[in-house]
């Protein structure tokens, strides 16, 4: 569409000092005459575009020109750029292109980036097999999706769901969806979703009251860990300072409410012998049994 081409021409000129009519014509697959007509339209609309003839010349825009700069403050434009960077880190389609355009509009050059966001772990890509993109499209188009899911206990099952929203929490992406097999709203960890399919079946979005029904989660337990000072940095990485108490002998106690789920055992064992479970008793016993099995495995 012509309006889209006009906006993109402005964006290109904001990002580059000078561009030739030939370059623009090739980019948009139109004639140079069409480009010159577009330039006339923009000039008539008050956009300060000018052209220089001869070698090294081309089409330019006044250096200080920005689009609707007054609409957002500096902090608001920075916030918008931050949000787009977060989108780009998930391989969200067109996020990089949007970031270029917004940076140009507000004269916030990406050459002077002040933040970098990487939400991927070593071998866990958020958009593996276009998973993130497929779910986004399904949410936007109210499309039912089917996928295989591996729960915290390693049990694999198939799910048919109405996707509601994507949520990033505690370093992890989740899908909130209404599960037809469980007849309730559930939360699925994206890293455990496999073989996702968008079906040729659409649904009517549920009411706000239905969507706000509590997501099914494991019950909370109060976990108390006694930790060496060597792992204090990891405690601060994962928990607020208010949950960490220093003892007279130089050790630290972590007292926090957490879901009673499988991942807790892996988290505790990752500290090796630098952490001891004080309570609850069932978690202490389970860690003891798992540590014993690990020891026996290496005999």
Protein backbone atom coordinates (compact mmCIF):
# COMPACT_ATOMS: atom_id res chain seq x y z
CA UNK A 1 0.00 0.00 0.00
CA UNK A 2 1.17 3.53 -0.78
CA UNK A 3 0.75 4.79 2.81
CA UNK A 4 3.02 2.00 4.08
CA UNK A 5 5.62 2.86 1.45
CA UNK A 6 5.54 6.52 2.43
CA UNK A 7 6.06 5.70 6.12
CA UNK A 8 8.91 3.34 5.30
CA UNK A 9 10.56 5.96 3.10
CA UNK A 10 10.55 8.37 6.05
CA UNK A 11 11.96 5.66 8.31
CA UNK A 12 14.77 4.90 5.83
CA UNK A 13 15.65 8.58 5.56
CA UNK A 14 15.67 8.94 9.36
CA UNK A 15 18.07 6.01 9.65
CA UNK A 16 20.34 7.05 6.78
CA UNK A 17 21.67 10.46 5.82
CA UNK A 18 21.10 10.06 2.08
CA UNK A 19 19.52 7.50 -0.22
CA UNK A 20 19.09 7.55 -3.99
CA UNK A 21 15.81 7.29 -5.86
CA UNK A 22 17.18 4.21 -7.59
CA UNK A 23 17.78 2.46 -4.25
CA UNK A 24 14.25 3.25 -3.09
CA UNK A 25 12.76 2.14 -6.40
CA UNK A 26 14.58 -1.21 -6.19
CA UNK A 27 13.59 -1.70 -2.57
CA UNK A 28 9.86 -1.16 -3.24
CA UNK A 29 9.87 -2.62 -6.76
CA UNK A 30 8.45 0.54 -8.31
CA UNK A 31 9.74 3.06 -10.85
CA UNK A 32 11.91 6.03 -9.95
CA UNK A 33 9.13 8.26 -11.22
CA UNK A 34 6.84 6.73 -8.56
CA UNK A 35 9.47 7.45 -5.90
CA UNK A 36 9.72 11.08 -7.00
CA UNK A 37 5.92 11.37 -6.79
CA UNK A 38 6.07 9.91 -3.27
CA UNK A 39 8.69 12.52 -2.32
CA UNK A 40 6.42 15.28 -3.64
CA UNK A 41 3.52 13.93 -1.56
CA UNK A 42 5.66 13.89 1.57
CA UNK A 43 6.99 17.38 0.92
CA UNK A 44 3.45 18.69 0.41
CA UNK A 45 2.51 17.13 3.76
CA UNK A 46 5.24 19.13 5.49
CA UNK A 47 7.93 16.47 5.77
CA UNK A 48 11.27 18.34 5.23
CA UNK A 49 12.68 16.17 2.42
CA UNK A 50 15.16 17.57 -0.08
CA UNK A 51 17.34 16.18 -2.87
CA UNK A 52 20.86 16.92 -4.11
CA UNK A 53 21.80 16.26 -7.71
CA UNK A 54 25.13 15.08 -9.00
CA UNK A 55 27.69 12.58 -7.77
CA UNK A 56 27.19 11.68 -4.12
CA UNK A 57 23.77 13.29 -4.10
CA UNK A 58 20.42 11.78 -3.30
CA UNK A 59 17.29 12.20 -1.20
CA UNK A 60 17.66 13.36 2.41
CA UNK A 61 15.62 14.57 5.35
CA UNK A 62 16.48 17.41 7.71
CA UNK A 63 18.79 16.12 10.43
CA UNK A 64 16.69 17.25 13.39
CA UNK A 65 13.36 16.01 12.04
CA UNK A 66 11.45 13.41 14.07
CA UNK A 67 7.91 12.04 13.79
CA UNK A 68 5.50 13.01 16.56
CA UNK A 69 8.35 13.43 18.98
CA UNK A 70 6.15 15.44 21.32
CA UNK A 71 3.77 12.53 21.82
CA UNK A 72 6.15 10.65 24.11
CA UNK A 73 8.71 11.81 26.64
CA UNK A 74 12.32 10.57 26.61
CA UNK A 75 11.60 8.09 29.41
CA UNK A 76 8.46 6.85 27.62
CA UNK A 77 10.31 6.35 24.35
CA UNK A 78 13.08 4.50 26.23
CA UNK A 79 10.40 2.29 27.79
CA UNK A 80 8.96 1.53 24.37
CA UNK A 81 12.40 0.60 23.06
CA UNK A 82 12.98 -1.63 26.11
CA UNK A 83 9.71 -3.46 25.42
CA UNK A 84 10.66 -3.98 21.77
CA UNK A 85 14.06 -5.32 22.79
CA UNK A 86 12.34 -7.85 25.03
CA UNK A 87 10.16 -8.88 22.07
CA UNK A 88 13.23 -9.18 19.83
CA UNK A 89 14.89 -11.51 22.35
CA UNK A 90 12.06 -14.02 21.80
CA UNK A 91 12.59 -13.97 18.01
CA UNK A 92 9.25 -12.17 17.73
CA UNK A 93 8.64 -11.53 14.01
CA UNK A 94 9.27 -7.96 12.81
CA UNK A 95 10.54 -6.93 16.26
CA UNK A 96 13.93 -5.87 14.89
CA UNK A 97 12.29 -3.90 12.11
CA UNK A 98 9.97 -2.16 14.60
CA UNK A 99 12.93 -1.39 16.84
CA UNK A 100 14.79 0.24 13.95
CA UNK A 101 11.77 2.38 13.11
CA UNK A 102 11.08 3.49 16.68
CA UNK A 103 14.77 4.23 17.29
CA UNK A 104 14.80 6.38 14.17
CA UNK A 105 11.60 8.19 15.03
CA UNK A 106 12.90 9.24 18.44
CA UNK A 107 16.50 9.74 17.35
CA UNK A 108 17.56 6.99 19.73
CA UNK A 109 20.38 5.38 17.80
CA UNK A 110 20.88 1.66 18.24
CA UNK A 111 24.59 2.34 17.87
CA UNK A 112 24.47 3.56 21.46
CA UNK A 113 22.50 0.66 22.92
CA UNK A 114 22.10 0.97 26.67
CA UNK A 115 20.56 -2.44 27.30
CA UNK A 116 20.75 -5.96 25.91
CA UNK A 117 18.21 -8.68 26.71
CA UNK A 118 18.78 -12.40 26.26
CA UNK A 119 16.02 -14.63 27.62
CA UNK A 120 17.45 -17.88 26.28
CA UNK A 121 19.29 -20.40 28.44
CA UNK A 122 22.25 -22.30 26.96
CA UNK A 123 20.30 -24.76 24.86
CA UNK A 124 16.70 -23.65 25.30
CA UNK A 125 15.53 -21.32 22.56
CA UNK A 126 12.23 -19.60 23.32
CA UNK A 127 11.14 -19.75 19.68
CA UNK A 128 12.38 -23.27 18.96
CA UNK A 129 10.46 -24.67 15.96
CA UNK A 130 8.57 -21.34 15.81
CA UNK A 131 6.80 -22.33 19.04
CA UNK A 132 6.52 -18.79 20.41
CA UNK A 133 5.34 -17.44 17.05
CA UNK A 134 2.72 -20.17 16.59
CA UNK A 135 1.28 -19.58 20.05
CA UNK A 136 1.22 -15.83 19.49
CA UNK A 137 -0.71 -16.32 16.24
CA UNK A 138 -3.12 -18.73 17.93
CA UNK A 139 -3.84 -16.24 20.73
CA UNK A 140 -4.34 -13.41 18.27
CA UNK A 141 -6.61 -15.44 15.94
CA UNK A 142 -8.45 -17.41 18.68
CA UNK A 143 -7.25 -20.69 17.23
CA UNK A 144 -7.32 -23.98 19.14
CA UNK A 145 -3.88 -25.59 19.45
CA UNK A 146 -2.74 -29.17 20.02
CA UNK A 147 0.61 -30.17 21.46
CA UNK A 148 2.53 -32.77 23.43
CA UNK A 149 3.50 -31.78 26.97
CA UNK A 150 6.01 -33.19 29.44
CA UNK A 151 5.11 -32.33 33.03
CA UNK A 152 7.42 -31.85 36.00
CA UNK A 153 7.43 -35.59 36.71
CA UNK A 154 8.52 -36.46 33.19
CA UNK A 155 5.12 -37.79 32.11
CA UNK A 156 4.24 -37.04 28.49
CA UNK A 157 0.64 -36.30 27.46
CA UNK A 158 -1.26 -34.64 24.62
CA UNK A 159 -3.18 -31.40 25.18
CA UNK A 160 -5.91 -29.58 23.30
CA UNK A 161 -6.25 -25.99 24.50
CA UNK A 162 -7.61 -22.50 23.98
CA UNK A 163 -4.53 -20.26 24.36
CA UNK A 164 -5.16 -17.18 26.52
CA UNK A 165 -1.82 -15.46 27.02
CA UNK A 166 1.94 -15.89 27.28
CA UNK A 167 3.53 -15.08 30.62
CA UNK A 168 7.18 -14.58 31.60
CA UNK A 169 7.79 -15.40 35.25
CA UNK A 170 10.87 -16.36 37.27
CA UNK A 171 13.16 -16.59 34.21
CA UNK A 172 10.69 -18.84 32.36
CA UNK A 173 8.02 -18.47 29.69
CA UNK A 174 4.60 -20.04 30.29
CA UNK A 175 1.41 -20.45 28.28
CA UNK A 176 -1.85 -19.81 30.12
CA UNK A 177 -4.60 -21.76 28.38
CA UNK A 178 -7.96 -23.47 28.87
CA UNK A 179 -7.35 -27.22 28.60
CA UNK A 180 -10.20 -29.26 27.08
CA UNK A 181 -8.87 -32.49 28.61
CA UNK A 182 -8.72 -31.09 32.16
CA UNK A 183 -11.76 -28.79 31.71
CA UNK A 184 -9.98 -25.91 33.47
CA UNK A 185 -7.41 -23.20 32.99
CA UNK A 186 -3.84 -24.49 33.19
CA UNK A 187 -0.29 -23.18 32.98
CA UNK A 188 2.22 -24.83 30.63
CA UNK A 189 5.96 -24.25 30.60
CA UNK A 190 7.00 -23.41 27.03
CA UNK A 191 10.23 -25.41 27.24
CA UNK A 192 8.15 -28.57 27.83
CA UNK A 193 5.79 -28.05 24.89
CA UNK A 194 6.53 -30.15 21.81
CA UNK A 195 5.00 -30.74 18.33
CA UNK A 196 2.61 -27.80 18.48
CA UNK A 197 -0.15 -27.62 15.83
CA UNK A 198 -2.60 -24.83 15.03
CA UNK A 199 -5.89 -26.51 14.21
CA UNK A 200 -8.54 -25.35 11.76
CA UNK A 201 -10.81 -24.67 14.71
CA UNK A 202 -11.57 -21.32 16.32
CA UNK A 203 -13.04 -20.52 19.71
CA UNK A 204 -14.95 -17.67 21.27
CA UNK A 205 -12.85 -16.00 23.92
CA UNK A 206 -14.07 -16.71 27.40
CA UNK A 207 -15.31 -13.96 29.68
CA UNK A 208 -12.93 -11.99 31.90
CA UNK A 209 -14.34 -13.82 34.94
CA UNK A 210 -13.55 -17.19 33.34
CA UNK A 211 -10.07 -16.09 32.32
CA UNK A 212 -9.30 -14.77 35.79
CA UNK A 213 -10.03 -18.11 37.46
CA UNK A 214 -6.91 -19.13 39.40
CA UNK A 215 -4.38 -21.12 37.43
CA UNK A 216 -4.00 -24.61 38.88
CA UNK A 217 -0.73 -24.73 40.80
CA UNK A 218 0.86 -26.94 43.42
CA UNK A 219 0.23 -26.04 47.08
CA UNK A 220 2.75 -23.76 48.77
CA UNK A 221 5.14 -25.01 51.44
CA UNK A 222 7.55 -23.07 53.63
CA UNK A 223 11.07 -24.08 52.65
CA UNK A 224 13.98 -23.45 55.01
CA UNK A 225 17.51 -23.96 53.71
CA UNK A 226 20.80 -23.49 55.55
CA UNK A 227 23.47 -22.35 53.11
CA UNK A 228 27.21 -21.73 53.04
CA UNK A 229 28.42 -18.22 52.31
CA UNK A 230 29.93 -19.63 49.09
CA UNK A 231 26.48 -19.79 47.47
CA UNK A 232 25.12 -16.51 48.81
CA UNK A 233 25.33 -14.96 45.35
CA UNK A 234 22.94 -17.61 43.99
CA UNK A 235 20.46 -16.94 46.77
CA UNK A 236 20.40 -13.26 45.87
CA UNK A 237 20.00 -14.17 42.19
CA UNK A 238 16.80 -16.06 42.90
CA UNK A 239 15.26 -14.48 46.04
CA UNK A 240 14.66 -11.10 47.65
CA UNK A 241 16.93 -10.07 50.51
CA UNK A 242 14.06 -10.21 53.01
CA UNK A 243 14.02 -14.02 52.80
CA UNK A 244 17.74 -14.42 53.59
CA UNK A 245 18.96 -14.34 57.21
CA UNK A 246 22.61 -14.40 58.31
CA UNK A 247 23.54 -16.69 61.22
CA UNK A 248 26.24 -16.13 63.84
CA UNK A 249 28.46 -18.87 62.38
CA UNK A 250 28.58 -17.13 58.97
CA UNK A 251 26.01 -19.37 57.30
CA UNK A 252 22.70 -18.12 55.89
CA UNK A 253 19.11 -19.30 56.21
CA UNK A 254 16.69 -19.00 53.32
CA UNK A 255 13.04 -19.07 54.45
CA UNK A 256 10.56 -18.76 51.60
CA UNK A 257 7.15 -19.98 50.44
CA UNK A 258 7.44 -22.03 47.23
CA UNK A 259 5.21 -24.40 45.22
CA UNK A 260 5.68 -28.03 46.24
CA UNK A 261 6.79 -29.12 42.77
CA UNK A 262 9.40 -31.36 41.18
CA UNK A 263 11.71 -28.52 40.13
CA UNK A 264 12.39 -27.71 43.81
CA UNK A 265 14.43 -30.89 44.25
CA UNK A 266 16.61 -30.13 41.25
CA UNK A 267 17.11 -26.58 42.48
CA UNK A 268 18.26 -27.76 45.93
CA UNK A 269 20.53 -30.49 44.58
CA UNK A 270 22.22 -27.99 42.26
CA UNK A 271 23.86 -26.44 45.37
CA UNK A 272 25.65 -29.71 46.17
CA UNK A 273 26.86 -29.98 49.77
CA UNK A 274 26.65 -26.22 50.30
CA UNK A 275 22.96 -26.39 51.25
CA UNK A 276 21.03 -28.35 53.86
CA UNK A 277 17.23 -28.64 53.96
CA UNK A 278 16.02 -27.82 57.47
CA UNK A 279 12.31 -28.12 56.71
CA UNK A 280 9.80 -29.30 55.64
CA UNK A 281 10.64 -32.87 56.59
CA UNK A 282 9.26 -34.52 53.44
CA UNK A 283 11.54 -32.41 51.21
CA UNK A 284 14.51 -33.11 53.51
CA UNK A 285 13.89 -36.87 53.28
CA UNK A 286 13.41 -36.77 49.50
CA UNK A 287 16.70 -34.89 49.03
CA UNK A 288 18.43 -37.44 51.28
CA UNK A 289 17.05 -40.34 49.22
CA UNK A 290 18.02 -38.75 45.90
CA UNK A 291 21.52 -37.91 47.16
CA UNK A 292 21.90 -41.55 48.22
CA UNK A 293 20.87 -42.77 44.77
CA UNK A 294 23.34 -40.39 43.14
CA UNK A 295 26.10 -41.72 45.42
CA UNK A 296 25.21 -45.34 44.64
CA UNK A 297 25.17 -44.60 40.95
CA UNK A 298 28.87 -43.70 41.07
CA UNK A 299 30.03 -46.65 43.17
